C-alpha cells in the first residue's frame, strides 16, 4: 500500500462523495480509480455498460426496474 498525494479540492470532493455513497474516503478513491481504469481500457462502453459488466462478473443479477414492453 502506498500514499497518494492529491490536491486538497479533490480530497474534499472525495470526502463529500464518500458520504453520499456510504463509503470510506479510501473506498471512494479506489472506486473512482478502478472506474477510470475501466473507462480508459474500454472506450467503446458507456458507464452503465461497464457497471452491468462488472456486476455480472461479480455474480450479481441486476434487473431493470421497468421491464421493456415487447
C-alpha atoms as a PDB file:
ATOM      1  CA  UNK A   1       0.000   0.000   0.000  1.00  0.00           C
ATOM      2  CA  UNK A   2       1.262   3.445  -0.801  1.00  0.00           C
ATOM      3  CA  UNK A   3       0.434   7.041  -0.182  1.00  0.00           C
ATOM      4  CA  UNK A   4      -1.096   9.107  -2.970  1.00  0.00           C
ATOM      5  CA  UNK A   5      -0.713  12.878  -2.988  1.00  0.00           C
ATOM      6  CA  UNK A   6      -3.847  14.613  -4.242  1.00  0.00           C
ATOM      7  CA  UNK A   7      -4.976  18.221  -4.282  1.00  0.00           C
ATOM      8  CA  UNK A   8      -6.994  19.475  -1.331  1.00  0.00           C
ATOM      9  CA  UNK A   9     -10.011  20.178  -3.553  1.00  0.00           C
ATOM     10  CA  UNK A  10     -10.039  16.609  -4.875  1.00  0.00           C
ATOM     11  CA  UNK A  11      -9.770  15.266  -1.330  1.00  0.00           C
ATOM     12  CA  UNK A  12     -12.748  17.430  -0.359  1.00  0.00           C
ATOM     13  CA  UNK A  13     -14.719  16.051  -3.317  1.00  0.00           C
ATOM     14  CA  UNK A  14     -13.785  12.508  -2.240  1.00  0.00           C
ATOM     15  CA  UNK A  15     -14.965  13.217   1.305  1.00  0.00           C
ATOM     16  CA  UNK A  16     -18.299  14.584   0.055  1.00  0.00           C
ATOM     17  CA  UNK A  17     -18.864  11.772  -2.445  1.00  0.00           C
ATOM     18  CA  UNK A  18     -17.989   9.123   0.134  1.00  0.00           C
ATOM     19  CA  UNK A  19     -20.793  10.343   2.400  1.00  0.00           C
ATOM     20  CA  UNK A  20     -23.341  10.134  -0.397  1.00  0.00           C
ATOM     21  CA  UNK A  21     -22.092   6.704  -1.494  1.00  0.00           C
ATOM     22  CA  UNK A  22     -21.780   5.352   2.077  1.00  0.00           C
ATOM     23  CA  UNK A  23     -18.107   4.537   1.503  1.00  0.00           C
ATOM     24  CA  UNK A  24     -14.953   5.484   3.325  1.00  0.00           C
ATOM     25  CA  UNK A  25     -12.809   8.138   1.657  1.00  0.00           C
ATOM     26  CA  UNK A  26     -10.292   5.435   0.689  1.00  0.00           C
ATOM     27  CA  UNK A  27     -13.033   3.200  -0.725  1.00  0.00           C
ATOM     28  CA  UNK A  28     -14.417   6.122  -2.756  1.00  0.00           C
ATOM     29  CA  UNK A  29     -10.955   6.888  -4.140  1.00  0.00           C
ATOM     30  CA  UNK A  30     -10.440   3.217  -5.032  1.00  0.00           C
ATOM     31  CA  UNK A  31     -13.853   3.153  -6.755  1.00  0.00           C
ATOM     32  CA  UNK A  32     -13.044   6.226  -8.834  1.00  0.00           C
ATOM     33  CA  UNK A  33      -9.609   4.855  -9.727  1.00  0.00           C
ATOM     34  CA  UNK A  34     -10.985   1.471 -10.795  1.00  0.00           C
ATOM     35  CA  UNK A  35     -13.801   3.085 -12.755  1.00  0.00           C
ATOM     36  CA  UNK A  36     -11.334   5.374 -14.501  1.00  0.00           C
ATOM     37  CA  UNK A  37      -9.140   2.423 -15.451  1.00  0.00           C
ATOM     38  CA  UNK A  38     -12.160   0.513 -16.776  1.00  0.00           C
ATOM     39  CA  UNK A  39     -13.251   3.528 -18.838  1.00  0.00           C
ATOM     40  CA  UNK A  40      -9.788   4.006 -20.306  1.00  0.00           C
ATOM     41  CA  UNK A  41      -9.397   0.332 -21.200  1.00  0.00           C
ATOM     42  CA  UNK A  42     -12.952   0.035 -22.579  1.00  0.00           C
ATOM     43  CA  UNK A  43     -13.540   3.255 -24.526  1.00  0.00           C
ATOM     44  CA  UNK A  44     -16.386   1.689 -26.525  1.00  0.00           C
ATOM     45  CA  UNK A  45     -18.511   1.098 -23.412  1.00  0.00           C
ATOM     46  CA  UNK A  46     -20.543   3.681 -21.549  1.00  0.00           C
ATOM     47  CA  UNK A  47     -20.741   3.914 -17.753  1.00  0.00           C
ATOM     48  CA  UNK A  48     -23.895   1.791 -17.489  1.00  0.00           C
ATOM     49  CA  UNK A  49     -22.427  -0.953 -19.678  1.00  0.00           C
ATOM     50  CA  UNK A  50     -19.277  -1.046 -17.553  1.00  0.00           C
ATOM     51  CA  UNK A  51     -21.291  -1.277 -14.324  1.00  0.00           C
ATOM     52  CA  UNK A  52     -23.515  -4.024 -15.747  1.00  0.00           C
ATOM     53  CA  UNK A  53     -20.457  -5.979 -16.905  1.00  0.00           C
ATOM     54  CA  UNK A  54     -18.777  -5.673 -13.518  1.00  0.00           C
ATOM     55  CA  UNK A  55     -21.958  -6.724 -11.691  1.00  0.00           C
ATOM     56  CA  UNK A  56     -22.305  -9.785 -13.937  1.00  0.00           C
ATOM     57  CA  UNK A  57     -18.652 -10.672 -13.366  1.00  0.00           C
ATOM     58  CA  UNK A  58     -19.291 -10.489  -9.611  1.00  0.00           C
ATOM     59  CA  UNK A  59     -22.293 -12.801  -9.943  1.00  0.00           C
ATOM     60  CA  UNK A  60     -24.897 -10.115  -9.267  1.00  0.00           C
ATOM     61  CA  UNK A  61     -28.136 -10.478 -11.178  1.00  0.00           C
ATOM     62  CA  UNK A  62     -29.262  -6.901 -11.733  1.00  0.00           C
ATOM     63  CA  UNK A  63     -32.694  -6.471 -13.231  1.00  0.00           C
ATOM     64  CA  UNK A  64     -34.093  -3.291 -14.718  1.00  0.00           C
ATOM     65  CA  UNK A  65     -36.718  -1.529 -12.596  1.00  0.00           C
ATOM     66  CA  UNK A  66     -39.028  -1.261 -15.591  1.00  0.00           C
ATOM     67  CA  UNK A  67     -39.248  -4.177 -17.975  1.00  0.00           C
ATOM     68  CA  UNK A  68     -39.313  -3.128 -21.609  1.00  0.00           C
ATOM     69  CA  UNK A  69     -42.585  -3.756 -23.360  1.00  0.00           C
ATOM     70  CA  UNK A  70     -42.127  -6.148 -26.255  1.00  0.00           C
END
